[in-house]
Protein backbone atom coordinates (compact mmCIF):
# COMPACT_ATOMS: atom_id res chain seq x y z
CA MET A 1 14.07 11.69 -5.71
CA GLN A 2 16.35 12.10 -8.74
CA ASN A 3 15.14 10.22 -11.84
CA ALA A 4 11.95 9.27 -9.99
CA HIS A 5 10.12 9.23 -13.33
CA LEU A 6 12.22 6.20 -14.35
CA ARG A 7 10.63 4.21 -11.51
CA LEU A 8 7.06 5.02 -12.57
CA GLY A 9 4.80 2.73 -14.52
CA ARG A 10 2.12 3.74 -16.98
CA LEU A 11 -1.54 2.80 -17.11
CA GLU A 12 -3.32 2.96 -20.47
CA TYR A 13 -7.10 2.71 -20.73
CA ILE A 14 -8.83 2.38 -24.09
CA ARG A 15 -12.57 2.24 -24.67
CA SER A 16 -14.33 2.47 -28.02
CA THR A 17 -17.99 3.01 -28.78
CA GLU A 18 -19.84 3.67 -32.01
CA LYS A 19 -19.43 7.43 -31.60
CA THR A 20 -16.30 7.95 -29.49
CA LYS A 21 -12.95 6.45 -28.63
CA THR A 22 -11.37 7.10 -25.23
CA ARG A 23 -7.64 6.65 -24.67
CA ILE A 24 -6.07 7.72 -21.39
CA PHE A 25 -2.52 7.48 -20.04
CA LEU A 26 -1.71 7.89 -16.34
CA HIS A 27 1.45 7.59 -14.24
CA VAL A 28 1.57 4.73 -11.71
CA ASP A 29 3.81 4.98 -8.64
CA ARG A 30 2.64 1.79 -6.86
CA TYR A 31 1.17 -1.43 -8.17
CA LEU A 32 0.62 -4.91 -6.77
CA GLY A 33 -0.94 -7.74 -8.74
CA GLU A 34 -1.07 -11.42 -9.66
CA ASP A 35 -1.04 -12.02 -13.41
CA LYS A 36 -4.21 -10.30 -14.69
CA GLN A 37 -5.62 -9.68 -11.20
CA ALA A 38 -4.78 -6.23 -9.87
CA HIS A 39 -4.81 -5.86 -6.10
CA LEU A 40 -3.54 -2.30 -5.64
CA VAL A 41 -2.76 0.64 -7.87
CA SER A 42 -1.72 4.16 -6.97
CA LEU A 43 -1.82 6.63 -9.86
CA PHE A 44 -2.13 10.33 -10.56
CA GLY A 45 -3.21 12.69 -13.34
CA ASN A 46 -5.70 15.45 -14.02
CA ASP A 47 -9.27 15.46 -12.76
CA ALA A 48 -10.90 14.16 -15.96
CA GLU A 49 -8.38 11.34 -16.42
CA VAL A 50 -8.58 10.10 -12.85
CA GLY A 51 -12.36 10.36 -12.89
CA ALA A 52 -12.55 8.25 -16.06
CA ILE A 53 -10.24 5.59 -14.66
CA THR A 54 -12.18 5.48 -11.38
CA ALA A 55 -15.41 4.84 -13.30
CA ALA A 56 -13.72 2.20 -15.48
CA ILE A 57 -12.36 0.35 -12.44
CA HIS A 58 -15.78 0.34 -10.77
CA GLU A 59 -17.26 -1.07 -13.99
CA SER A 60 -14.71 -3.94 -13.92
CA HIS A 61 -12.97 -2.81 -17.12
CA THR A 62 -9.39 -3.87 -17.78
CA PHE A 63 -6.41 -1.68 -18.57
CA ASN A 64 -2.90 -2.02 -20.00
CA LEU A 65 -0.06 -1.61 -17.53
CA THR A 66 3.53 -0.87 -18.58
CA PHE A 67 6.24 -1.54 -15.98
CA PRO A 68 9.40 0.57 -15.62
CA ASP A 69 11.42 -2.17 -17.40
CA GLY A 70 9.10 -2.03 -20.43
CA LYS A 71 7.11 -5.21 -19.74
CA THR A 72 3.36 -4.98 -20.22
CA GLN A 73 0.37 -6.64 -18.56
CA VAL A 74 -3.39 -6.51 -19.04
CA ALA A 75 -5.06 -6.29 -15.62
CA GLY A 76 -8.28 -5.47 -13.83
CA PHE A 77 -9.74 -5.41 -10.32
CA GLY A 78 -13.01 -7.29 -10.76
CA LYS A 79 -15.94 -6.79 -8.41
CA ASP A 80 -16.16 -5.03 -5.05
CA VAL A 81 -13.11 -2.84 -5.61
CA SER A 82 -12.62 0.17 -3.31
CA CYS A 83 -11.34 3.50 -4.66
CA TYR A 84 -9.91 6.38 -2.61
CA ARG A 85 -9.37 9.75 -4.28
CA GLY A 86 -7.45 12.80 -3.17
CA SER A 87 -5.51 15.71 -4.60
CA PHE A 88 -2.17 17.42 -4.12
CA HIS A 89 -0.80 20.74 -5.32
CA LEU A 90 2.58 21.26 -6.99
CA PRO A 91 4.19 24.73 -6.82
CA ASP A 92 4.75 24.95 -10.60
CA ARG A 93 1.20 23.89 -11.55
CA LYS A 94 -1.93 26.04 -11.52
CA GLN A 95 -4.25 23.05 -11.12
CA SER A 96 -3.95 20.34 -8.50
CA LEU A 97 -3.15 16.78 -9.48
CA ARG A 98 -5.65 14.08 -8.64
CA HIS A 99 -4.53 10.93 -6.87
CA LEU A 100 -6.30 7.57 -6.90
CA ILE A 101 -5.67 4.42 -4.86
CA ALA A 102 -7.70 1.35 -5.85
CA VAL A 103 -7.76 -1.77 -3.65
CA SER A 104 -9.19 -5.16 -4.59
CA ALA A 105 -11.68 -7.02 -2.39
CA THR A 106 -9.03 -9.71 -1.80
CA LEU A 107 -6.46 -7.21 -0.53
CA HIS A 108 -9.11 -5.57 1.65
CA GLY A 109 -9.45 -8.92 3.40
CA ASN A 110 -5.68 -9.30 3.76
CA GLY A 111 -4.82 -12.31 5.89
CA SER A 112 -8.07 -14.15 5.19
CA ALA A 113 -8.55 -17.11 2.85
CA GLY A 114 -5.01 -18.31 3.54
CA GLN A 115 -3.36 -15.36 1.77
CA THR A 116 -1.33 -12.54 3.30
CA PHE A 117 0.01 -9.82 1.02
CA VAL A 118 3.21 -7.94 1.86
CA MET A 119 4.27 -4.97 -0.27
CA ASN A 120 8.01 -5.17 0.39
CA TYR A 121 9.66 -8.45 1.32
CA GLN A 122 13.38 -7.83 1.74
CA PRO A 123 16.03 -8.91 4.27
CA ASP A 124 15.65 -5.60 6.13
CA THR A 125 11.83 -5.90 6.32
CA ARG A 126 11.59 -9.49 7.60
CA ASP A 127 10.92 -8.38 11.21
CA LEU A 128 8.04 -6.20 10.07
CA THR A 129 6.80 -8.91 7.70
CA TRP A 130 6.64 -11.34 10.62
CA ALA A 131 4.87 -8.76 12.80
CA THR A 132 2.35 -8.15 10.01
CA LEU A 133 1.68 -11.87 9.60
CA VAL A 134 1.25 -12.38 13.36
CA SER A 135 -1.05 -9.38 13.69
CA LEU A 136 -3.32 -10.20 10.73
CA LEU A 137 -3.66 -13.88 11.64
CA GLY A 138 -3.77 -13.43 15.42
CA LEU A 139 -0.90 -15.81 16.12
CA PRO A 140 0.49 -16.40 19.64
CA ALA A 141 4.09 -15.78 18.64
CA ASP A 142 7.39 -14.20 19.61
CA PRO A 143 9.34 -11.63 17.54
CA ARG A 144 12.40 -13.90 17.60
CA TRP A 145 10.57 -16.64 15.70
CA GLY A 146 10.28 -14.69 12.48
CA ASP A 147 13.52 -15.75 10.77
CA HIS A 148 12.89 -19.45 11.34
CA ILE A 149 9.21 -19.50 10.35
CA LEU A 150 9.68 -17.25 7.31
CA GLY A 151 12.67 -19.37 6.28
CA GLU A 152 10.51 -22.50 6.47
CA LEU A 153 7.78 -20.81 4.44
CA GLN A 154 10.31 -19.94 1.77
CA ARG A 155 11.69 -23.49 1.77
CA LEU A 156 8.16 -24.84 1.28
CA ARG A 157 7.57 -22.27 -1.50
CA LYS A 158 4.73 -20.70 0.42
CA ILE A 159 6.08 -17.21 -0.29
CA ARG A 160 5.47 -16.23 -3.90
CA PRO A 161 6.65 -13.03 -5.60
CA LEU A 162 4.05 -10.81 -7.24
CA LEU A 163 4.13 -8.16 -9.94
CA GLY A 164 5.02 -4.78 -8.50
CA ILE A 165 5.80 -1.17 -9.32
CA GLY A 166 7.56 0.86 -6.62
CA CYS A 167 7.64 -2.17 -4.32
CA ASP A 168 8.72 -5.83 -4.10
CA PRO A 169 5.47 -7.57 -3.17
CA VAL A 170 4.86 -11.18 -2.17
CA VAL A 171 1.89 -13.26 -1.11
CA ILE A 172 2.29 -15.73 1.75
CA HIS A 173 0.09 -18.79 1.29
CA ALA A 174 -0.57 -20.09 4.80
CA THR A 175 -3.62 -20.24 7.03
CA ARG A 176 -3.59 -19.56 10.76
CA GLU A 177 -3.99 -23.29 11.45
CA GLU A 178 -1.06 -24.18 9.19
CA LEU A 179 1.20 -21.67 10.89
CA LEU A 180 0.15 -22.84 14.35
CA GLU A 181 1.10 -26.39 13.36
CA GLN A 182 4.41 -25.17 12.00
CA ILE A 183 5.14 -23.24 15.19
CA GLY A 184 4.23 -26.28 17.27
CA ARG A 185 6.60 -28.55 15.35
CA ALA A 186 9.42 -26.01 15.57
CA CYS A 187 8.89 -25.61 19.33
CA ALA A 188 8.90 -29.40 19.84
CA ALA A 189 12.14 -29.64 17.88
CA GLY A 190 13.75 -26.92 20.00
CA ASN A 191 14.13 -24.51 17.07
CA LEU A 192 12.20 -21.67 18.74
CA LEU A 193 13.12 -19.90 21.97
CA PHE A 194 10.38 -19.35 24.54
CA PRO A 195 10.26 -16.14 26.63
CA GLU A 196 12.32 -16.47 29.80
CA LYS A 197 9.39 -15.50 32.02
CA ASN A 198 5.61 -15.27 31.97
CA GLY A 199 3.99 -12.05 30.86
CA PRO A 200 3.12 -10.13 27.72
CA VAL A 201 5.30 -10.56 24.63
CA LEU A 202 6.98 -7.24 23.83
CA TRP A 203 7.18 -6.45 20.13
CA PRO A 204 9.47 -3.78 18.67
CA LYS A 205 7.91 -0.48 17.70
CA PHE A 206 7.84 0.43 14.02
CA THR A 207 7.56 3.90 12.54
CA MET A 208 4.88 4.73 9.98
CA LEU A 209 7.58 4.86 7.28
CA GLN A 210 8.71 1.34 8.21
CA ALA A 211 5.13 0.11 8.22
CA LEU A 212 4.46 1.56 4.75
CA ARG A 213 7.63 -0.06 3.43
CA ALA A 214 6.39 -3.53 4.31
CA ALA A 215 2.61 -2.87 4.50
């Protein structure tokens, strides 16, 4: 956890009226978005700050986001966003910190509309990425098929990187029907191994930490 502050982003919210001007800064530990469309943000601050940001998000206001590398982006969630608030206590603070996670309507329907979001797409999370894709889309598939199908999706540029803080997110553009066709072609070409015997397909078990890494 050393130098964890260097991996944090910053959210800035500014709102001016005739009588007042509001300017709030909050720390962001997780973010996932496409250009100006925010899909997920996890942030923390004091009660008043988090309350103000929660209200602003529900009112479809935009905010300025600064990434750990210094790049900036204006973003917002749009309609039907869901917000989840909590708190946590630090030993050296008298007051608890407030925590907010906001999730877009699109991310809430992850896997629908031909889009599947994955928070961390890395070589060591490909097995879990494949399991996530199969589970969300209800595919009749085998764990061993992941490398080939994901490789084909990358070759076809169906896997696109997204903006992220604290994660390496991607969106996979493929419907259930498209993936079924791709699996069928790969099976016909002999590129996918079928189970040796009839019965249920056994998938590896993943810990909660592993699941949160790929989400």
